[in-house]
Amino acid sequence: MRRLFPVTDVTDETGAAGGAAGREWSLAELAAAYAYPEPGPEGPAPWLRGNMVSTLDGAAQHEGRSQPISCPADMRIFGVLRALADAVVVGAETVRQEGYRPARARAEFAAAREAAGQGPAPAIAVVSASLDLDFSLPLFTSPLVPTLVLTGAAADPERVAAAGKAGARVVVAGEGAGVDPARAVRALAGLGHTRLLTEGGPRLLGQLIAAGVLDELCLTVAPMVTAGDAQRIAGGPTVTLPRRFTLSSMLEEDGFLFTRYRRA
């Protein structure tokens, strides 16, 4: 892996700038490259980053899943981003399609998480209006830390009870049946989860963008084309004006670009 941006005067041997091959970065180096912003004088504020992958022609999935357009380096970064987060926010459809499982503790990050005041693994926070979820899955019955279910105040009481019975913690983040993205971020921050990561899917990411609560986007650009009618990385409502993000870093390995953009 090598760093393409920001440009530094580091030599090729480090793989940090220039050169054709670079080297494999350690987990600690990746964690430093993707560190969350330091808390301000008023304490930690919520910071929501998205992590998505897209082909050159804009497909976020192939045959409904993101794995076919990913690569080993992308999965390493995926794991690091999870290891840095307090909570991973994910849409119900993605849970169903991707077969989500609980986040696991990783020995390589145990000391850093403890020093940061974090639990052994991030909580998974599932966004669902209908609560049409299989609460017998390990995601709900045997997570290392309780799975959160974000829903609206008008959610079906029987489904809310089923979630609670399975061991999930239900968090109301909307007045109606749906979830208000800004309220969801505040609710998670109120539980101490300020370092937030969303892995989609595209509909959820689009809602977060439209609500103006996405602070950062980590986008892997895969050197592939798929054509077809696959979803983009974000769907849903259109913003009134395109929102500008600023490139903060770009890494490369085997033709894959690992970009990091922050809200301008």
C-alpha atoms as a PDB file:
ATOM      1  CA  MET A   1       0.000   0.000   0.000  1.00  0.00           C
ATOM      2  CA  ARG A   2       1.188   3.522  -0.701  1.00  0.00           C
ATOM      3  CA  ARG A   3      -0.050   6.995   0.140  1.00  0.00           C
ATOM      4  CA  LEU A   4      -0.971   9.165  -2.828  1.00  0.00           C
ATOM      5  CA  PHE A   5      -2.376  12.087  -0.825  1.00  0.00           C
ATOM      6  CA  PRO A   6      -1.399  14.113   1.070  1.00  0.00           C
ATOM      7  CA  VAL A   7       1.937  14.191  -0.707  1.00  0.00           C
ATOM      8  CA  THR A   8       4.943  13.881   1.594  1.00  0.00           C
ATOM      9  CA  ASP A   9       8.698  13.587   1.159  1.00  0.00           C
ATOM     10  CA  VAL A  10       8.765  10.047   2.583  1.00  0.00           C
ATOM     11  CA  THR A  11      10.802   7.644   0.468  1.00  0.00           C
ATOM     12  CA  ASP A  12       9.512   4.676  -1.504  1.00  0.00           C
ATOM     13  CA  GLU A  13      10.806   2.187   1.062  1.00  0.00           C
ATOM     14  CA  THR A  14       8.026   3.133   3.489  1.00  0.00           C
ATOM     15  CA  GLY A  15       5.323   2.831   0.869  1.00  0.00           C
ATOM     16  CA  ALA A  16       3.933   6.122   2.188  1.00  0.00           C
ATOM     17  CA  ALA A  17       4.439   8.168  -0.958  1.00  0.00           C
ATOM     18  CA  GLY A  18       5.291   7.405  -4.553  1.00  0.00           C
ATOM     19  CA  GLY A  19       6.662   4.148  -5.853  1.00  0.00           C
ATOM     20  CA  ALA A  20       4.771   1.483  -7.720  1.00  0.00           C
ATOM     21  CA  ALA A  21       4.448  -1.207  -5.100  1.00  0.00           C
ATOM     22  CA  GLY A  22       4.680   0.262  -1.606  1.00  0.00           C
ATOM     23  CA  ARG A  23       4.304  -2.244   1.241  1.00  0.00           C
ATOM     24  CA  GLU A  24       1.631  -3.710   3.478  1.00  0.00           C
ATOM     25  CA  TRP A  25       0.762  -1.286   6.237  1.00  0.00           C
ATOM     26  CA  SER A  26       0.427  -2.505   9.808  1.00  0.00           C
ATOM     27  CA  LEU A  27      -2.915  -2.311  11.587  1.00  0.00           C
ATOM     28  CA  ALA A  28      -1.474   0.412  13.832  1.00  0.00           C
ATOM     29  CA  GLU A  29      -0.508   2.517  10.805  1.00  0.00           C
ATOM     30  CA  LEU A  30      -3.956   2.113   9.289  1.00  0.00           C
ATOM     31  CA  ALA A  31      -5.549   3.030  12.614  1.00  0.00           C
ATOM     32  CA  ALA A  32      -3.460   6.211  12.740  1.00  0.00           C
ATOM     33  CA  ALA A  33      -4.385   7.049   9.145  1.00  0.00           C
ATOM     34  CA  TYR A  34      -8.101   6.699   9.919  1.00  0.00           C
ATOM     35  CA  ALA A  35      -8.157   8.124  13.451  1.00  0.00           C
ATOM     36  CA  TYR A  36     -11.277  10.015  14.521  1.00  0.00           C
ATOM     37  CA  PRO A  37     -10.899  13.733  15.277  1.00  0.00           C
ATOM     38  CA  GLU A  38      -9.649  14.535  18.762  1.00  0.00           C
ATOM     39  CA  PRO A  39     -12.327  15.805  21.191  1.00  0.00           C
ATOM     40  CA  GLY A  40     -12.655  19.569  21.468  1.00  0.00           C
ATOM     41  CA  PRO A  41     -12.557  21.641  24.657  1.00  0.00           C
ATOM     42  CA  GLU A  42     -16.245  20.856  25.283  1.00  0.00           C
ATOM     43  CA  GLY A  43     -15.640  17.107  25.131  1.00  0.00           C
ATOM     44  CA  PRO A  44     -16.430  14.460  22.507  1.00  0.00           C
ATOM     45  CA  ALA A  45     -18.918  15.423  19.790  1.00  0.00           C
ATOM     46  CA  PRO A  46     -20.545  12.836  17.509  1.00  0.00           C
ATOM     47  CA  TRP A  47     -18.648  12.167  14.281  1.00  0.00           C
ATOM     48  CA  LEU A  48     -20.330   9.990  11.674  1.00  0.00           C
ATOM     49  CA  ARG A  49     -18.241   8.437   8.946  1.00  0.00           C
ATOM     50  CA  GLY A  50     -19.457   6.245   6.142  1.00  0.00           C
ATOM     51  CA  ASN A  51     -17.508   3.371   4.626  1.00  0.00           C
ATOM     52  CA  MET A  52     -18.518   2.199   1.168  1.00  0.00           C
ATOM     53  CA  VAL A  53     -17.059   0.611  -1.959  1.00  0.00           C
ATOM     54  CA  SER A  54     -17.893   1.465  -5.560  1.00  0.00           C
ATOM     55  CA  THR A  55     -16.812   0.264  -8.985  1.00  0.00           C
ATOM     56  CA  LEU A  56     -15.515   2.663 -11.611  1.00  0.00           C
ATOM     57  CA  ASP A  57     -18.975   2.794 -13.175  1.00  0.00           C
ATOM     58  CA  GLY A  58     -20.704   3.559  -9.880  1.00  0.00           C
ATOM     59  CA  ALA A  59     -21.987   0.169  -8.699  1.00  0.00           C
ATOM     60  CA  ALA A  60     -22.046  -0.309  -4.926  1.00  0.00           C
ATOM     61  CA  GLN A  61     -22.935  -3.998  -5.192  1.00  0.00           C
ATOM     62  CA  HIS A  62     -22.806  -6.964  -7.529  1.00  0.00           C
ATOM     63  CA  GLU A  63     -25.772  -9.305  -7.374  1.00  0.00           C
ATOM     64  CA  GLY A  64     -26.896  -7.597  -4.173  1.00  0.00           C
ATOM     65  CA  ARG A  65     -23.648  -7.880  -2.215  1.00  0.00           C
ATOM     66  CA  SER A  66     -20.570  -5.688  -1.819  1.00  0.00           C
ATOM     67  CA  GLN A  67     -18.054  -8.518  -1.326  1.00  0.00           C
ATOM     68  CA  PRO A  68     -17.509  -9.253  -5.061  1.00  0.00           C
ATOM     69  CA  ILE A  69     -16.169  -5.730  -5.649  1.00  0.00           C
ATOM     70  CA  SER A  70     -13.972  -5.660  -2.549  1.00  0.00           C
ATOM     71  CA  CYS A  71     -10.396  -6.893  -1.997  1.00  0.00           C
ATOM     72  CA  PRO A  72      -8.173  -8.001   0.924  1.00  0.00           C
ATOM     73  CA  ALA A  73      -6.836  -4.486   1.572  1.00  0.00           C
ATOM     74  CA  ASP A  74     -10.378  -3.117   1.562  1.00  0.00           C
ATOM     75  CA  MET A  75     -11.369  -5.727   4.149  1.00  0.00           C
ATOM     76  CA  ARG A  76      -8.362  -4.808   6.310  1.00  0.00           C
ATOM     77  CA  ILE A  77      -9.473  -1.188   6.308  1.00  0.00           C
ATOM     78  CA  PHE A  78     -13.055  -2.313   6.938  1.00  0.00           C
ATOM     79  CA  GLY A  79     -11.840  -4.120  10.070  1.00  0.00           C
ATOM     80  CA  VAL A  80      -9.786  -1.158  11.251  1.00  0.00           C
ATOM     81  CA  LEU A  81     -12.692   1.250  10.850  1.00  0.00           C
ATOM     82  CA  ARG A  82     -14.868  -1.074  12.935  1.00  0.00           C
ATOM     83  CA  ALA A  83     -12.149  -1.371  15.565  1.00  0.00           C
ATOM     84  CA  LEU A  84     -12.017   2.426  15.913  1.00  0.00           C
ATOM     85  CA  ALA A  85     -15.795   2.915  16.209  1.00  0.00           C
ATOM     86  CA  ASP A  86     -18.079   3.027  19.231  1.00  0.00           C
ATOM     87  CA  ALA A  87     -21.050   1.911  17.147  1.00  0.00           C
ATOM     88  CA  VAL A  88     -21.685   0.684  13.606  1.00  0.00           C
ATOM     89  CA  VAL A  89     -24.938   2.010  12.118  1.00  0.00           C
ATOM     90  CA  VAL A  90     -26.481  -0.210   9.471  1.00  0.00           C
ATOM     91  CA  GLY A  91     -29.784  -0.444   7.625  1.00  0.00           C
ATOM     92  CA  ALA A  92     -32.137  -3.384   8.125  1.00  0.00           C
ATOM     93  CA  GLU A  93     -31.975  -4.392   4.450  1.00  0.00           C
ATOM     94  CA  THR A  94     -28.192  -4.601   4.619  1.00  0.00           C
ATOM     95  CA  VAL A  95     -28.480  -6.774   7.727  1.00  0.00           C
ATOM     96  CA  ARG A  96     -30.736  -9.124   5.792  1.00  0.00           C
ATOM     97  CA  GLN A  97     -28.735  -9.184   2.546  1.00  0.00           C
ATOM     98  CA  GLU A  98     -25.211  -9.277   3.970  1.00  0.00           C
ATOM     99  CA  GLY A  99     -25.927 -11.724   6.797  1.00  0.00           C
ATOM    100  CA  TYR A 100     -24.646  -9.392   9.501  1.00  0.00           C
ATOM    101  CA  ARG A 101     -23.082 -10.898  12.580  1.00  0.00           C
ATOM    102  CA  PRO A 102     -22.013  -9.245  15.856  1.00  0.00           C
ATOM    103  CA  ALA A 103     -18.784  -7.259  15.844  1.00  0.00           C
ATOM    104  CA  ARG A 104     -15.963  -9.253  17.388  1.00  0.00           C
ATOM    105  CA  ALA A 105     -13.237  -8.240  19.790  1.00  0.00           C
ATOM    106  CA  ARG A 106      -9.795  -8.079  18.232  1.00  0.00           C
ATOM    107  CA  ALA A 107      -6.749  -8.596  20.398  1.00  0.00           C
ATOM    108  CA  GLU A 108      -4.713  -6.167  18.261  1.00  0.00           C
ATOM    109  CA  PHE A 109      -6.989  -3.284  19.272  1.00  0.00           C
ATOM    110  CA  ALA A 110      -7.853  -4.302  22.844  1.00  0.00           C
ATOM    111  CA  ALA A 111      -5.383  -1.963  24.572  1.00  0.00           C
ATOM    112  CA  ALA A 112      -6.248   0.999  22.341  1.00  0.00           C
ATOM    113  CA  ARG A 113      -9.986   0.538  22.888  1.00  0.00           C
ATOM    114  CA  GLU A 114      -9.520   0.267  26.640  1.00  0.00           C
ATOM    115  CA  ALA A 115      -7.370   3.411  26.679  1.00  0.00           C
ATOM    116  CA  ALA A 116     -10.062   5.238  24.692  1.00  0.00           C
ATOM    117  CA  GLY A 117     -12.752   4.166  27.150  1.00  0.00           C
ATOM    118  CA  GLN A 118     -14.418   1.872  24.640  1.00  0.00           C
ATOM    119  CA  GLY A 119     -15.905  -1.572  25.128  1.00  0.00           C
ATOM    120  CA  PRO A 120     -14.266  -4.670  23.649  1.00  0.00           C
ATOM    121  CA  ALA A 121     -16.140  -4.285  20.345  1.00  0.00           C
ATOM    122  CA  PRO A 122     -18.424  -1.721  18.721  1.00  0.00           C
ATOM    123  CA  ALA A 123     -22.167  -2.044  19.143  1.00  0.00           C
ATOM    124  CA  ILE A 124     -24.147  -2.740  15.968  1.00  0.00           C
ATOM    125  CA  ALA A 125     -27.028  -0.249  15.643  1.00  0.00           C
ATOM    126  CA  VAL A 126     -29.681  -1.455  13.196  1.00  0.00           C
ATOM    127  CA  VAL A 127     -31.998   1.173  11.687  1.00  0.00           C
ATOM    128  CA  SER A 128     -35.475  -0.239  11.046  1.00  0.00           C
ATOM    129  CA  ALA A 129     -38.943   1.292  10.888  1.00  0.00           C
ATOM    130  CA  SER A 130     -40.811  -2.006  10.511  1.00  0.00           C
ATOM    131  CA  LEU A 131     -38.566  -4.112  12.785  1.00  0.00           C
ATOM    132  CA  ASP A 132     -38.925  -6.853  10.165  1.00  0.00           C
ATOM    133  CA  LEU A 133     -35.810  -8.589  11.458  1.00  0.00           C
ATOM    134  CA  ASP A 134     -34.960 -12.145  12.425  1.00  0.00           C
ATOM    135  CA  PHE A 135     -34.351 -11.755  16.135  1.00  0.00           C
ATOM    136  CA  SER A 136     -33.144 -15.353  16.415  1.00  0.00           C
ATOM    137  CA  LEU A 137     -29.908 -14.442  14.615  1.00  0.00           C
ATOM    138  CA  PRO A 138     -26.620 -14.260  16.568  1.00  0.00           C
ATOM    139  CA  LEU A 139     -26.554 -10.506  15.894  1.00  0.00           C
ATOM    140  CA  PHE A 140     -29.354 -10.190  18.444  1.00  0.00           C
ATOM    141  CA  THR A 141     -29.003 -13.263  20.650  1.00  0.00           C
ATOM    142  CA  SER A 142     -25.251 -13.476  21.252  1.00  0.00           C
ATOM    143  CA  PRO A 143     -23.374 -10.222  20.592  1.00  0.00           C
ATOM    144  CA  LEU A 144     -20.359  -9.284  22.675  1.00  0.00           C
ATOM    145  CA  VAL A 145     -22.125  -5.998  23.433  1.00  0.00           C
ATOM    146  CA  PRO A 146     -25.927  -5.641  23.084  1.00  0.00           C
ATOM    147  CA  THR A 147     -27.161  -4.828  19.606  1.00  0.00           C
ATOM    148  CA  LEU A 148     -29.113  -1.572  19.330  1.00  0.00           C
ATOM    149  CA  VAL A 149     -32.264  -1.242  17.237  1.00  0.00           C
ATOM    150  CA  LEU A 150     -33.108   2.311  16.152  1.00  0.00           C
ATOM    151  CA  THR A 151     -36.763   2.799  15.294  1.00  0.00           C
ATOM    152  CA  GLY A 152     -39.639   5.260  15.535  1.00  0.00           C
ATOM    153  CA  ALA A 153     -42.089   5.907  18.341  1.00  0.00           C
ATOM    154  CA  ALA A 154     -44.904   4.365  16.280  1.00  0.00           C
ATOM    155  CA  ALA A 155     -43.146   1.032  15.777  1.00  0.00           C
ATOM    156  CA  ASP A 156     -45.214  -2.129  16.259  1.00  0.00           C
ATOM    157  CA  PRO A 157     -45.204  -2.829  20.032  1.00  0.00           C
ATOM    158  CA  GLU A 158     -45.091  -6.575  19.437  1.00  0.00           C
ATOM    159  CA  ARG A 159     -41.955  -6.252  17.311  1.00  0.00           C
ATOM    160  CA  VAL A 160     -40.415  -3.929  19.903  1.00  0.00           C
ATOM    161  CA  ALA A 161     -41.110  -6.546  22.564  1.00  0.00           C
ATOM    162  CA  ALA A 162     -39.609  -9.274  20.368  1.00  0.00           C
ATOM    163  CA  ALA A 163     -36.438  -7.244  19.943  1.00  0.00           C
ATOM    164  CA  GLY A 164     -36.138  -6.724  23.672  1.00  0.00           C
ATOM    165  CA  LYS A 165     -36.803 -10.378  24.397  1.00  0.00           C
ATOM    166  CA  ALA A 166     -33.975 -11.341  22.046  1.00  0.00           C
ATOM    167  CA  GLY A 167     -31.596  -9.125  24.020  1.00  0.00           C
ATOM    168  CA  ALA A 168     -31.491  -6.058  21.783  1.00  0.00           C
ATOM    169  CA  ARG A 169     -31.801  -2.542  23.163  1.00  0.00           C
ATOM    170  CA  VAL A 170     -34.513  -0.578  21.361  1.00  0.00           C
ATOM    171  CA  VAL A 171     -33.770   3.138  20.918  1.00  0.00           C
ATOM    172  CA  VAL A 172     -36.568   5.459  19.784  1.00  0.00           C
ATOM    173  CA  ALA A 173     -35.183   7.965  17.276  1.00  0.00           C
ATOM    174  CA  GLY A 174     -38.241   9.323  15.488  1.00  0.00           C
ATOM    175  CA  GLU A 175     -41.762  10.547  16.168  1.00  0.00           C
ATOM    176  CA  GLY A 176     -43.515   8.370  13.589  1.00  0.00           C
ATOM    177  CA  ALA A 177     -42.710   4.915  12.296  1.00  0.00           C
ATOM    178  CA  GLY A 178     -39.401   5.929  10.737  1.00  0.00           C
ATOM    179  CA  VAL A 179     -36.076   7.094  12.106  1.00  0.00           C
ATOM    180  CA  ASP A 180     -34.937  10.724  12.076  1.00  0.00           C
ATOM    181  CA  PRO A 181     -31.202  10.562  11.167  1.00  0.00           C
ATOM    182  CA  ALA A 182     -30.230  13.610  13.245  1.00  0.00           C
ATOM    183  CA  ARG A 183     -32.141  12.286  16.234  1.00  0.00           C
ATOM    184  CA  ALA A 184     -30.493   8.881  15.785  1.00  0.00           C
ATOM    185  CA  VAL A 185     -27.028  10.450  15.933  1.00  0.00           C
ATOM    186  CA  ARG A 186     -27.981  12.391  19.071  1.00  0.00           C
ATOM    187  CA  ALA A 187     -29.471   9.284  20.681  1.00  0.00           C
ATOM    188  CA  LEU A 188     -26.319   7.273  20.041  1.00  0.00           C
ATOM    189  CA  ALA A 189     -24.155  10.091  21.374  1.00  0.00           C
ATOM    190  CA  GLY A 190     -26.354  10.151  24.483  1.00  0.00           C
ATOM    191  CA  LEU A 191     -25.418   6.513  25.031  1.00  0.00           C
ATOM    192  CA  GLY A 192     -21.736   7.422  24.807  1.00  0.00           C
ATOM    193  CA  HIS A 193     -21.339   6.392  21.155  1.00  0.00           C
ATOM    194  CA  THR A 194     -19.747   9.438  19.521  1.00  0.00           C
ATOM    195  CA  ARG A 195     -17.333   7.666  17.135  1.00  0.00           C
ATOM    196  CA  LEU A 196     -19.899   6.434  14.641  1.00  0.00           C
ATOM    197  CA  LEU A 197     -19.471   4.370  11.497  1.00  0.00           C
ATOM    198  CA  THR A 198     -22.111   3.515   8.928  1.00  0.00           C
ATOM    199  CA  GLU A 199     -21.638   0.715   6.410  1.00  0.00           C
ATOM    200  CA  GLY A 200     -24.868   1.436   4.558  1.00  0.00           C
ATOM    201  CA  GLY A 201     -26.704   0.276   2.717  1.00  0.00           C
ATOM    202  CA  PRO A 202     -27.238   2.847   0.014  1.00  0.00           C
ATOM    203  CA  ARG A 203     -30.724   3.872   1.171  1.00  0.00           C
ATOM    204  CA  LEU A 204     -29.553   4.553   4.716  1.00  0.00           C
ATOM    205  CA  LEU A 205     -26.477   6.443   3.525  1.00  0.00           C
ATOM    206  CA  GLY A 206     -28.682   8.561   1.286  1.00  0.00           C
ATOM    207  CA  GLN A 207     -30.926   9.430   4.230  1.00  0.00           C
ATOM    208  CA  LEU A 208     -27.923  10.405   6.348  1.00  0.00           C
ATOM    209  CA  ILE A 209     -26.574  12.600   3.548  1.00  0.00           C
ATOM    210  CA  ALA A 210     -29.947  14.278   2.962  1.00  0.00           C
ATOM    211  CA  ALA A 211     -30.236  14.991   6.699  1.00  0.00           C
ATOM    212  CA  GLY A 212     -26.790  16.622   6.708  1.00  0.00           C
ATOM    213  CA  VAL A 213     -25.350  14.384   9.430  1.00  0.00           C
ATOM    214  CA  LEU A 214     -22.578  12.625   7.465  1.00  0.00           C
ATOM    215  CA  ASP A 215     -19.221  14.096   8.509  1.00  0.00           C
ATOM    216  CA  GLU A 216     -16.868  11.872   6.541  1.00  0.00           C
ATOM    217  CA  LEU A 217     -16.909   9.336   3.721  1.00  0.00           C
ATOM    218  CA  CYS A 218     -14.321   6.585   3.336  1.00  0.00           C
ATOM    219  CA  LEU A 219     -14.819   5.377  -0.220  1.00  0.00           C
ATOM    220  CA  THR A 220     -12.979   2.486  -1.828  1.00  0.00           C
ATOM    221  CA  VAL A 221     -12.904   2.804  -5.613  1.00  0.00           C
ATOM    222  CA  ALA A 222     -12.562  -0.663  -7.143  1.00  0.00           C
ATOM    223  CA  PRO A 223     -10.845  -0.944 -10.563  1.00  0.00           C
ATOM    224  CA  MET A 224     -13.826  -2.841 -11.942  1.00  0.00           C
ATOM    225  CA  VAL A 225     -16.851  -2.190 -14.135  1.00  0.00           C
ATOM    226  CA  THR A 226     -20.121  -4.112 -13.852  1.00  0.00           C
ATOM    227  CA  ALA A 227     -22.760  -2.276 -15.951  1.00  0.00           C
ATOM    228  CA  GLY A 228     -26.245  -3.512 -15.086  1.00  0.00           C
ATOM    229  CA  ASP A 229     -28.590  -1.726 -12.704  1.00  0.00           C
ATOM    230  CA  ALA A 230     -26.749  -2.034  -9.379  1.00  0.00           C
ATOM    231  CA  GLN A 231     -27.362   0.622  -6.723  1.00  0.00           C
ATOM    232  CA  ARG A 232     -25.041   3.560  -6.220  1.00  0.00           C
ATOM    233  CA  ILE A 233     -23.456   4.003  -2.780  1.00  0.00           C
ATOM    234  CA  ALA A 234     -26.275   6.394  -1.796  1.00  0.00           C
ATOM    235  CA  GLY A 235     -29.922   6.548  -2.791  1.00  0.00           C
ATOM    236  CA  GLY A 236     -33.109   8.089  -1.494  1.00  0.00           C
ATOM    237  CA  PRO A 237     -33.956  11.787  -1.239  1.00  0.00           C
ATOM    238  CA  THR A 238     -32.090  14.370  -3.287  1.00  0.00           C
ATOM    239  CA  VAL A 239     -30.330  17.244  -1.517  1.00  0.00           C
ATOM    240  CA  THR A 240     -31.276  20.767  -2.590  1.00  0.00           C
ATOM    241  CA  LEU A 241     -27.682  21.582  -3.508  1.00  0.00           C
ATOM    242  CA  PRO A 242     -24.758  19.154  -3.837  1.00  0.00           C
ATOM    243  CA  ARG A 243     -22.754  19.095  -0.602  1.00  0.00           C
ATOM    244  CA  ARG A 244     -19.018  19.646  -0.902  1.00  0.00           C
ATOM    245  CA  PHE A 245     -16.542  17.300   0.776  1.00  0.00           C
ATOM    246  CA  THR A 246     -12.763  17.768   0.886  1.00  0.00           C
ATOM    247  CA  LEU A 247     -10.231  15.038   0.152  1.00  0.00           C
ATOM    248  CA  SER A 248      -8.167  14.361   3.270  1.00  0.00           C
ATOM    249  CA  SER A 249      -6.268  11.228   2.227  1.00  0.00           C
ATOM    250  CA  MET A 250      -5.880   8.669  -0.550  1.00  0.00           C
ATOM    251  CA  LEU A 251      -4.130   5.311  -0.393  1.00  0.00           C
ATOM    252  CA  GLU A 252      -3.613   2.810  -3.205  1.00  0.00           C
ATOM    253  CA  GLU A 253      -2.994  -0.910  -3.498  1.00  0.00           C
ATOM    254  CA  ASP A 254      -3.299  -3.160  -6.538  1.00  0.00           C
ATOM    255  CA  GLY A 255      -5.279  -0.517  -8.414  1.00  0.00           C
ATOM    256  CA  PHE A 256      -7.821   0.013  -5.613  1.00  0.00           C
ATOM    257  CA  LEU A 257      -8.069   3.568  -4.288  1.00  0.00           C
ATOM    258  CA  PHE A 258      -8.906   4.106  -0.614  1.00  0.00           C
ATOM    259  CA  THR A 259     -10.145   7.671  -0.311  1.00  0.00           C
ATOM    260  CA  ARG A 260     -11.197   9.657   2.722  1.00  0.00           C
ATOM    261  CA  TYR A 261     -13.310  12.780   2.347  1.00  0.00           C
ATOM    262  CA  ARG A 262     -14.480  15.156   5.098  1.00  0.00           C
ATOM    263  CA  ARG A 263     -17.328  17.630   5.108  1.00  0.00           C
ATOM    264  CA  ALA A 264     -16.057  20.940   3.732  1.00  0.00           C
END
